[in-house]
């Protein structure tokens, strides 16, 4: 799963016993060599789908941008500036290093649950990849309200979401076991490290987006095929500020 340039077991253990912010600061230099980085295949699928359905955008915002995997996609989709926001200074340093020569790209260190007011009414497209497990369900309203405020009228908040994993699948047991282990870890160790795989169901997410003021639709990401019952394995959520 990890390349020879990735983190060691010891480094991952230290990260897992740290806070989310400190953990990613530690992991940042090797993050792109782990399976946690959003795969290019997913980024390409989202970019292609957005381009086909929406065309181009003005300014773009990557929420929880990490080391900037999604920034190149936003650069191609957006005519104006692109901004990455993340809590981890270490991750932002890596993203800034990669995009240092691009004067259209900037980065802001901030908690996605409390985006700076300076970002309000500034963006036409917001995206996020692989970060929602770091937010408890009770934190989603603040997260979505902040993104809603950052978008201009008619702006789109887009992110992929996978189909529910059936309990008959070994993957279900793996992620259930991981979530259970994280709950035990957070009950007995401080600071907490919030990362859960089963706290972001489409039904609850859709309801919270609508409460925040979005209209919501989903589009199948056909690049990843369909399940035996015909449901798409992955969907792209398109939440529009009306």
C-alpha atoms as a PDB file:
ATOM      1  CA  UNK A   1       0.000   0.000   0.000  1.00  0.00           C
ATOM      2  CA  UNK A   2       2.865   2.379   0.750  1.00  0.00           C
ATOM      3  CA  UNK A   3       5.806   3.155  -1.491  1.00  0.00           C
ATOM      4  CA  UNK A   4       9.373   2.968  -0.262  1.00  0.00           C
ATOM      5  CA  UNK A   5       9.221   6.761   0.091  1.00  0.00           C
ATOM      6  CA  UNK A   6       6.178   6.623   2.346  1.00  0.00           C
ATOM      7  CA  UNK A   7       5.961   6.814   6.129  1.00  0.00           C
ATOM      8  CA  UNK A   8       7.146   4.012   8.378  1.00  0.00           C
ATOM      9  CA  UNK A   9       4.876   2.159  10.793  1.00  0.00           C
ATOM     10  CA  UNK A  10       6.437   4.145  13.628  1.00  0.00           C
ATOM     11  CA  UNK A  11       5.725   7.443  11.856  1.00  0.00           C
ATOM     12  CA  UNK A  12       2.108   6.430  11.248  1.00  0.00           C
ATOM     13  CA  UNK A  13       1.749   5.451  14.903  1.00  0.00           C
ATOM     14  CA  UNK A  14       3.068   8.819  16.082  1.00  0.00           C
ATOM     15  CA  UNK A  15       0.708  10.548  13.674  1.00  0.00           C
ATOM     16  CA  UNK A  16      -2.266   8.513  14.879  1.00  0.00           C
ATOM     17  CA  UNK A  17      -1.545   9.457  18.489  1.00  0.00           C
ATOM     18  CA  UNK A  18      -1.402  13.164  17.647  1.00  0.00           C
ATOM     19  CA  UNK A  19      -4.142  15.672  16.948  1.00  0.00           C
ATOM     20  CA  UNK A  20      -5.467  15.905  13.378  1.00  0.00           C
ATOM     21  CA  UNK A  21      -3.499  19.107  12.783  1.00  0.00           C
ATOM     22  CA  UNK A  22      -0.236  17.861  14.296  1.00  0.00           C
ATOM     23  CA  UNK A  23      -0.622  14.449  12.711  1.00  0.00           C
ATOM     24  CA  UNK A  24      -0.833  15.901   9.217  1.00  0.00           C
ATOM     25  CA  UNK A  25       2.009  18.303   9.903  1.00  0.00           C
ATOM     26  CA  UNK A  26       4.147  15.233  10.629  1.00  0.00           C
ATOM     27  CA  UNK A  27       2.865  13.226   7.676  1.00  0.00           C
ATOM     28  CA  UNK A  28       2.976  16.063   5.127  1.00  0.00           C
ATOM     29  CA  UNK A  29       6.431  15.439   3.576  1.00  0.00           C
ATOM     30  CA  UNK A  30       5.501  11.832   2.755  1.00  0.00           C
ATOM     31  CA  UNK A  31       1.745  12.169   2.318  1.00  0.00           C
ATOM     32  CA  UNK A  32       1.772  11.929  -1.474  1.00  0.00           C
ATOM     33  CA  UNK A  33       3.432   8.515  -1.180  1.00  0.00           C
ATOM     34  CA  UNK A  34       0.537   7.054   0.827  1.00  0.00           C
ATOM     35  CA  UNK A  35      -2.840   5.614  -0.252  1.00  0.00           C
ATOM     36  CA  UNK A  36      -4.505   8.548   1.537  1.00  0.00           C
ATOM     37  CA  UNK A  37      -3.797  10.940  -1.329  1.00  0.00           C
ATOM     38  CA  UNK A  38      -6.787  11.228  -3.658  1.00  0.00           C
ATOM     39  CA  UNK A  39      -6.041   9.076  -6.729  1.00  0.00           C
ATOM     40  CA  UNK A  40      -5.538  10.856 -10.035  1.00  0.00           C
ATOM     41  CA  UNK A  41      -8.251   8.628 -11.477  1.00  0.00           C
ATOM     42  CA  UNK A  42     -10.797  10.218  -9.126  1.00  0.00           C
ATOM     43  CA  UNK A  43      -9.558  13.739  -9.792  1.00  0.00           C
ATOM     44  CA  UNK A  44      -9.760  13.147 -13.547  1.00  0.00           C
ATOM     45  CA  UNK A  45     -13.287  11.725 -13.295  1.00  0.00           C
ATOM     46  CA  UNK A  46     -14.528  14.711 -11.298  1.00  0.00           C
ATOM     47  CA  UNK A  47     -12.823  17.180 -13.629  1.00  0.00           C
ATOM     48  CA  UNK A  48     -14.278  15.558 -16.745  1.00  0.00           C
ATOM     49  CA  UNK A  49     -17.770  15.425 -15.264  1.00  0.00           C
ATOM     50  CA  UNK A  50     -17.692  19.048 -14.135  1.00  0.00           C
ATOM     51  CA  UNK A  51     -16.343  20.227 -17.480  1.00  0.00           C
ATOM     52  CA  UNK A  52     -19.056  18.364 -19.390  1.00  0.00           C
ATOM     53  CA  UNK A  53     -21.908  19.540 -17.179  1.00  0.00           C
ATOM     54  CA  UNK A  54     -20.824  23.015 -16.139  1.00  0.00           C
ATOM     55  CA  UNK A  55     -18.105  24.191 -18.516  1.00  0.00           C
ATOM     56  CA  UNK A  56     -15.611  26.529 -16.906  1.00  0.00           C
ATOM     57  CA  UNK A  57     -15.797  28.542 -13.708  1.00  0.00           C
ATOM     58  CA  UNK A  58     -14.431  31.818 -12.392  1.00  0.00           C
ATOM     59  CA  UNK A  59     -12.560  31.395  -9.101  1.00  0.00           C
ATOM     60  CA  UNK A  60     -12.025  28.023  -7.391  1.00  0.00           C
ATOM     61  CA  UNK A  61     -11.677  26.911  -3.769  1.00  0.00           C
ATOM     62  CA  UNK A  62     -10.231  23.601  -2.556  1.00  0.00           C
ATOM     63  CA  UNK A  63     -11.566  22.934   0.953  1.00  0.00           C
ATOM     64  CA  UNK A  64      -9.138  20.838   3.019  1.00  0.00           C
ATOM     65  CA  UNK A  65      -6.691  20.913   0.123  1.00  0.00           C
ATOM     66  CA  UNK A  66      -3.920  18.944   1.839  1.00  0.00           C
ATOM     67  CA  UNK A  67      -0.811  18.834  -0.328  1.00  0.00           C
ATOM     68  CA  UNK A  68      -2.776  20.256  -3.254  1.00  0.00           C
ATOM     69  CA  UNK A  69      -3.763  17.186  -5.267  1.00  0.00           C
ATOM     70  CA  UNK A  70      -6.900  18.949  -6.511  1.00  0.00           C
ATOM     71  CA  UNK A  71      -5.275  22.285  -7.330  1.00  0.00           C
ATOM     72  CA  UNK A  72      -4.223  21.311 -10.857  1.00  0.00           C
ATOM     73  CA  UNK A  73      -7.773  20.237 -11.620  1.00  0.00           C
ATOM     74  CA  UNK A  74      -9.112  23.572 -10.380  1.00  0.00           C
ATOM     75  CA  UNK A  75      -6.512  25.445 -12.423  1.00  0.00           C
ATOM     76  CA  UNK A  76      -7.830  23.806 -15.574  1.00  0.00           C
ATOM     77  CA  UNK A  77     -11.495  24.308 -14.695  1.00  0.00           C
ATOM     78  CA  UNK A  78     -11.242  27.882 -13.410  1.00  0.00           C
ATOM     79  CA  UNK A  79     -10.390  31.038 -15.349  1.00  0.00           C
ATOM     80  CA  UNK A  80      -9.462  33.118 -12.320  1.00  0.00           C
ATOM     81  CA  UNK A  81      -7.624  32.530  -9.062  1.00  0.00           C
ATOM     82  CA  UNK A  82      -7.557  29.236  -7.169  1.00  0.00           C
ATOM     83  CA  UNK A  83      -7.291  29.021  -3.369  1.00  0.00           C
ATOM     84  CA  UNK A  84      -6.476  26.036  -1.197  1.00  0.00           C
ATOM     85  CA  UNK A  85      -7.570  25.996   2.453  1.00  0.00           C
ATOM     86  CA  UNK A  86      -6.271  23.581   5.065  1.00  0.00           C
ATOM     87  CA  UNK A  87      -5.725  23.425   8.822  1.00  0.00           C
ATOM     88  CA  UNK A  88      -2.274  21.854   8.608  1.00  0.00           C
ATOM     89  CA  UNK A  89       0.627  24.206   8.058  1.00  0.00           C
ATOM     90  CA  UNK A  90       2.761  21.249   7.017  1.00  0.00           C
ATOM     91  CA  UNK A  91       0.370  20.174   4.282  1.00  0.00           C
ATOM     92  CA  UNK A  92       0.066  23.758   3.045  1.00  0.00           C
ATOM     93  CA  UNK A  93       3.852  24.057   2.921  1.00  0.00           C
ATOM     94  CA  UNK A  94       4.002  21.032   0.622  1.00  0.00           C
ATOM     95  CA  UNK A  95       1.209  22.399  -1.572  1.00  0.00           C
ATOM     96  CA  UNK A  96       2.848  25.817  -1.703  1.00  0.00           C
ATOM     97  CA  UNK A  97       6.155  24.310  -2.730  1.00  0.00           C
ATOM     98  CA  UNK A  98       4.557  22.449  -5.651  1.00  0.00           C
ATOM     99  CA  UNK A  99       2.684  25.523  -6.885  1.00  0.00           C
ATOM    100  CA  UNK A 100       5.234  28.182  -5.933  1.00  0.00           C
ATOM    101  CA  UNK A 101       5.640  29.429  -9.511  1.00  0.00           C
ATOM    102  CA  UNK A 102       1.924  29.817 -10.206  1.00  0.00           C
ATOM    103  CA  UNK A 103       0.719  33.323  -9.392  1.00  0.00           C
ATOM    104  CA  UNK A 104      -2.917  32.270  -9.827  1.00  0.00           C
ATOM    105  CA  UNK A 105      -2.704  29.891  -6.869  1.00  0.00           C
ATOM    106  CA  UNK A 106      -2.767  30.889  -3.201  1.00  0.00           C
ATOM    107  CA  UNK A 107      -3.212  29.115   0.117  1.00  0.00           C
ATOM    108  CA  UNK A 108      -4.933  29.998   3.387  1.00  0.00           C
ATOM    109  CA  UNK A 109      -4.457  28.244   6.704  1.00  0.00           C
ATOM    110  CA  UNK A 110      -7.863  27.935   8.333  1.00  0.00           C
ATOM    111  CA  UNK A 111     -10.272  25.522   9.984  1.00  0.00           C
ATOM    112  CA  UNK A 112     -12.867  24.482   7.398  1.00  0.00           C
ATOM    113  CA  UNK A 113     -15.516  24.666  10.122  1.00  0.00           C
ATOM    114  CA  UNK A 114     -14.841  28.411  10.439  1.00  0.00           C
ATOM    115  CA  UNK A 115     -13.710  29.727   7.075  1.00  0.00           C
ATOM    116  CA  UNK A 116     -12.422  33.329   7.188  1.00  0.00           C
ATOM    117  CA  UNK A 117     -14.950  36.017   6.346  1.00  0.00           C
ATOM    118  CA  UNK A 118     -12.469  37.366   3.787  1.00  0.00           C
ATOM    119  CA  UNK A 119     -13.362  34.387   1.581  1.00  0.00           C
ATOM    120  CA  UNK A 120     -17.097  35.191   1.520  1.00  0.00           C
ATOM    121  CA  UNK A 121     -18.854  35.602  -1.845  1.00  0.00           C
ATOM    122  CA  UNK A 122     -15.570  35.023  -3.676  1.00  0.00           C
ATOM    123  CA  UNK A 123     -15.762  31.663  -5.482  1.00  0.00           C
ATOM    124  CA  UNK A 124     -17.721  29.995  -8.255  1.00  0.00           C
ATOM    125  CA  UNK A 125     -16.575  26.422  -7.598  1.00  0.00           C
ATOM    126  CA  UNK A 126     -15.587  24.718  -4.353  1.00  0.00           C
ATOM    127  CA  UNK A 127     -14.357  21.124  -4.169  1.00  0.00           C
ATOM    128  CA  UNK A 128     -13.174  18.774  -1.448  1.00  0.00           C
ATOM    129  CA  UNK A 129     -11.577  15.347  -1.601  1.00  0.00           C
ATOM    130  CA  UNK A 130     -11.011  12.737   1.076  1.00  0.00           C
ATOM    131  CA  UNK A 131     -11.451  15.019   4.082  1.00  0.00           C
ATOM    132  CA  UNK A 132     -14.986  14.485   5.316  1.00  0.00           C
ATOM    133  CA  UNK A 133     -14.077  11.664   7.670  1.00  0.00           C
ATOM    134  CA  UNK A 134     -12.353  14.289   9.813  1.00  0.00           C
ATOM    135  CA  UNK A 135     -15.683  15.961  10.624  1.00  0.00           C
ATOM    136  CA  UNK A 136     -18.211  14.556  13.043  1.00  0.00           C
ATOM    137  CA  UNK A 137     -21.840  14.651  11.858  1.00  0.00           C
ATOM    138  CA  UNK A 138     -22.587  17.498  14.270  1.00  0.00           C
ATOM    139  CA  UNK A 139     -19.857  19.555  12.570  1.00  0.00           C
ATOM    140  CA  UNK A 140     -21.231  19.249   9.054  1.00  0.00           C
ATOM    141  CA  UNK A 141     -23.642  22.212   9.340  1.00  0.00           C
ATOM    142  CA  UNK A 142     -20.781  24.617  10.161  1.00  0.00           C
ATOM    143  CA  UNK A 143     -18.647  23.153   7.384  1.00  0.00           C
ATOM    144  CA  UNK A 144     -21.388  23.417   4.763  1.00  0.00           C
ATOM    145  CA  UNK A 145     -22.517  26.863   5.898  1.00  0.00           C
ATOM    146  CA  UNK A 146     -18.962  28.144   5.553  1.00  0.00           C
ATOM    147  CA  UNK A 147     -18.627  26.800   2.016  1.00  0.00           C
ATOM    148  CA  UNK A 148     -22.041  28.240   1.144  1.00  0.00           C
ATOM    149  CA  UNK A 149     -20.900  31.664   2.344  1.00  0.00           C
ATOM    150  CA  UNK A 150     -17.653  31.433   0.335  1.00  0.00           C
ATOM    151  CA  UNK A 151     -19.529  30.793  -2.915  1.00  0.00           C
ATOM    152  CA  UNK A 152     -21.097  33.427  -5.091  1.00  0.00           C
ATOM    153  CA  UNK A 153     -24.757  33.052  -6.051  1.00  0.00           C
ATOM    154  CA  UNK A 154     -25.041  30.079  -8.392  1.00  0.00           C
ATOM    155  CA  UNK A 155     -21.682  28.707  -7.275  1.00  0.00           C
ATOM    156  CA  UNK A 156     -21.217  24.944  -6.998  1.00  0.00           C
ATOM    157  CA  UNK A 157     -19.786  22.821  -4.195  1.00  0.00           C
ATOM    158  CA  UNK A 158     -18.719  19.498  -5.749  1.00  0.00           C
ATOM    159  CA  UNK A 159     -17.348  16.346  -4.147  1.00  0.00           C
ATOM    160  CA  UNK A 160     -17.448  12.585  -4.776  1.00  0.00           C
ATOM    161  CA  UNK A 161     -19.231  10.179  -2.484  1.00  0.00           C
ATOM    162  CA  UNK A 162     -19.116   6.389  -2.635  1.00  0.00           C
ATOM    163  CA  UNK A 163     -22.018   3.959  -2.531  1.00  0.00           C
ATOM    164  CA  UNK A 164     -22.769   2.330   0.839  1.00  0.00           C
ATOM    165  CA  UNK A 165     -20.684  -0.778   1.445  1.00  0.00           C
ATOM    166  CA  UNK A 166     -22.854  -3.850   2.139  1.00  0.00           C
ATOM    167  CA  UNK A 167     -22.174  -5.768   5.376  1.00  0.00           C
ATOM    168  CA  UNK A 168     -21.512  -8.851   3.278  1.00  0.00           C
ATOM    169  CA  UNK A 169     -18.348  -7.246   1.965  1.00  0.00           C
ATOM    170  CA  UNK A 170     -14.992  -7.718   3.736  1.00  0.00           C
ATOM    171  CA  UNK A 171     -14.412  -3.993   3.179  1.00  0.00           C
ATOM    172  CA  UNK A 172     -17.423  -3.212   5.388  1.00  0.00           C
ATOM    173  CA  UNK A 173     -15.876  -5.156   8.251  1.00  0.00           C
ATOM    174  CA  UNK A 174     -12.509  -3.500   7.680  1.00  0.00           C
ATOM    175  CA  UNK A 175     -13.877   0.041   7.840  1.00  0.00           C
ATOM    176  CA  UNK A 176     -16.217  -0.834  10.717  1.00  0.00           C
ATOM    177  CA  UNK A 177     -13.240  -2.207  12.609  1.00  0.00           C
ATOM    178  CA  UNK A 178     -11.203   0.904  11.868  1.00  0.00           C
ATOM    179  CA  UNK A 179     -13.987   3.203  13.053  1.00  0.00           C
ATOM    180  CA  UNK A 180     -14.424   1.156  16.230  1.00  0.00           C
ATOM    181  CA  UNK A 181     -10.696   1.302  16.926  1.00  0.00           C
ATOM    182  CA  UNK A 182     -10.679   5.063  16.428  1.00  0.00           C
ATOM    183  CA  UNK A 183     -13.587   5.478  18.847  1.00  0.00           C
ATOM    184  CA  UNK A 184     -11.707   3.486  21.484  1.00  0.00           C
ATOM    185  CA  UNK A 185      -8.524   5.461  20.791  1.00  0.00           C
ATOM    186  CA  UNK A 186     -10.364   8.775  21.180  1.00  0.00           C
ATOM    187  CA  UNK A 187     -12.048   7.608  24.375  1.00  0.00           C
ATOM    188  CA  UNK A 188      -8.757   6.813  26.101  1.00  0.00           C
ATOM    189  CA  UNK A 189      -6.217   9.146  24.484  1.00  0.00           C
ATOM    190  CA  UNK A 190      -5.929  12.890  24.105  1.00  0.00           C
ATOM    191  CA  UNK A 191      -5.782  14.829  21.895  1.00  0.00           C
ATOM    192  CA  UNK A 192      -8.402  13.129  19.730  1.00  0.00           C
ATOM    193  CA  UNK A 193      -7.721  12.198  16.112  1.00  0.00           C
ATOM    194  CA  UNK A 194     -11.048  12.375  14.302  1.00  0.00           C
ATOM    195  CA  UNK A 195     -11.105  10.089  11.266  1.00  0.00           C
ATOM    196  CA  UNK A 196     -14.091   7.864  10.568  1.00  0.00           C
ATOM    197  CA  UNK A 197     -15.176   6.153   7.362  1.00  0.00           C
ATOM    198  CA  UNK A 198     -18.874   5.640   8.049  1.00  0.00           C
ATOM    199  CA  UNK A 199     -20.059   9.037   9.283  1.00  0.00           C
ATOM    200  CA  UNK A 200     -20.812  10.647   5.914  1.00  0.00           C
ATOM    201  CA  UNK A 201     -23.924   8.954   4.449  1.00  0.00           C
ATOM    202  CA  UNK A 202     -25.506  10.589   1.426  1.00  0.00           C
ATOM    203  CA  UNK A 203     -28.927  10.947   3.066  1.00  0.00           C
ATOM    204  CA  UNK A 204     -27.597  12.924   6.031  1.00  0.00           C
ATOM    205  CA  UNK A 205     -25.201  14.918   3.869  1.00  0.00           C
ATOM    206  CA  UNK A 206     -27.976  15.871   1.466  1.00  0.00           C
ATOM    207  CA  UNK A 207     -30.175  17.052   4.343  1.00  0.00           C
ATOM    208  CA  UNK A 208     -27.389  19.141   5.879  1.00  0.00           C
ATOM    209  CA  UNK A 209     -26.524  20.716   2.529  1.00  0.00           C
ATOM    210  CA  UNK A 210     -30.139  21.734   1.988  1.00  0.00           C
ATOM    211  CA  UNK A 211     -30.324  23.189   5.481  1.00  0.00           C
ATOM    212  CA  UNK A 212     -27.216  25.255   4.676  1.00  0.00           C
ATOM    213  CA  UNK A 213     -29.016  26.736   1.656  1.00  0.00           C
ATOM    214  CA  UNK A 214     -27.882  24.519  -1.216  1.00  0.00           C
ATOM    215  CA  UNK A 215     -29.937  22.818  -3.868  1.00  0.00           C
ATOM    216  CA  UNK A 216     -28.539  19.323  -4.309  1.00  0.00           C
ATOM    217  CA  UNK A 217     -28.240  16.851  -7.163  1.00  0.00           C
ATOM    218  CA  UNK A 218     -25.984  13.875  -7.733  1.00  0.00           C
ATOM    219  CA  UNK A 219     -24.413  12.654 -10.958  1.00  0.00           C
ATOM    220  CA  UNK A 220     -23.055   9.123 -11.467  1.00  0.00           C
ATOM    221  CA  UNK A 221     -19.301   8.933 -11.975  1.00  0.00           C
ATOM    222  CA  UNK A 222     -19.523   6.277 -14.659  1.00  0.00           C
ATOM    223  CA  UNK A 223     -15.724   5.962 -14.735  1.00  0.00           C
ATOM    224  CA  UNK A 224     -16.027   3.624 -11.722  1.00  0.00           C
ATOM    225  CA  UNK A 225     -18.824   1.432 -13.005  1.00  0.00           C
ATOM    226  CA  UNK A 226     -21.957   0.234 -11.260  1.00  0.00           C
ATOM    227  CA  UNK A 227     -22.924  -2.248  -8.593  1.00  0.00           C
ATOM    228  CA  UNK A 228     -24.837  -5.451  -9.415  1.00  0.00           C
ATOM    229  CA  UNK A 229     -28.116  -3.681  -8.588  1.00  0.00           C
ATOM    230  CA  UNK A 230     -27.324  -0.925 -11.108  1.00  0.00           C
ATOM    231  CA  UNK A 231     -26.450   1.793  -8.597  1.00  0.00           C
ATOM    232  CA  UNK A 232     -23.285   3.788  -9.350  1.00  0.00           C
ATOM    233  CA  UNK A 233     -20.241   2.937  -7.273  1.00  0.00           C
ATOM    234  CA  UNK A 234     -19.434   6.648  -7.013  1.00  0.00           C
ATOM    235  CA  UNK A 235     -21.520   9.780  -7.411  1.00  0.00           C
ATOM    236  CA  UNK A 236     -20.549  13.415  -7.751  1.00  0.00           C
ATOM    237  CA  UNK A 237     -22.541  15.620  -5.403  1.00  0.00           C
ATOM    238  CA  UNK A 238     -23.343  19.004  -6.938  1.00  0.00           C
ATOM    239  CA  UNK A 239     -24.571  21.420  -4.284  1.00  0.00           C
ATOM    240  CA  UNK A 240     -25.492  24.791  -5.769  1.00  0.00           C
ATOM    241  CA  UNK A 241     -25.857  28.051  -3.880  1.00  0.00           C
ATOM    242  CA  UNK A 242     -29.174  29.469  -5.012  1.00  0.00           C
END
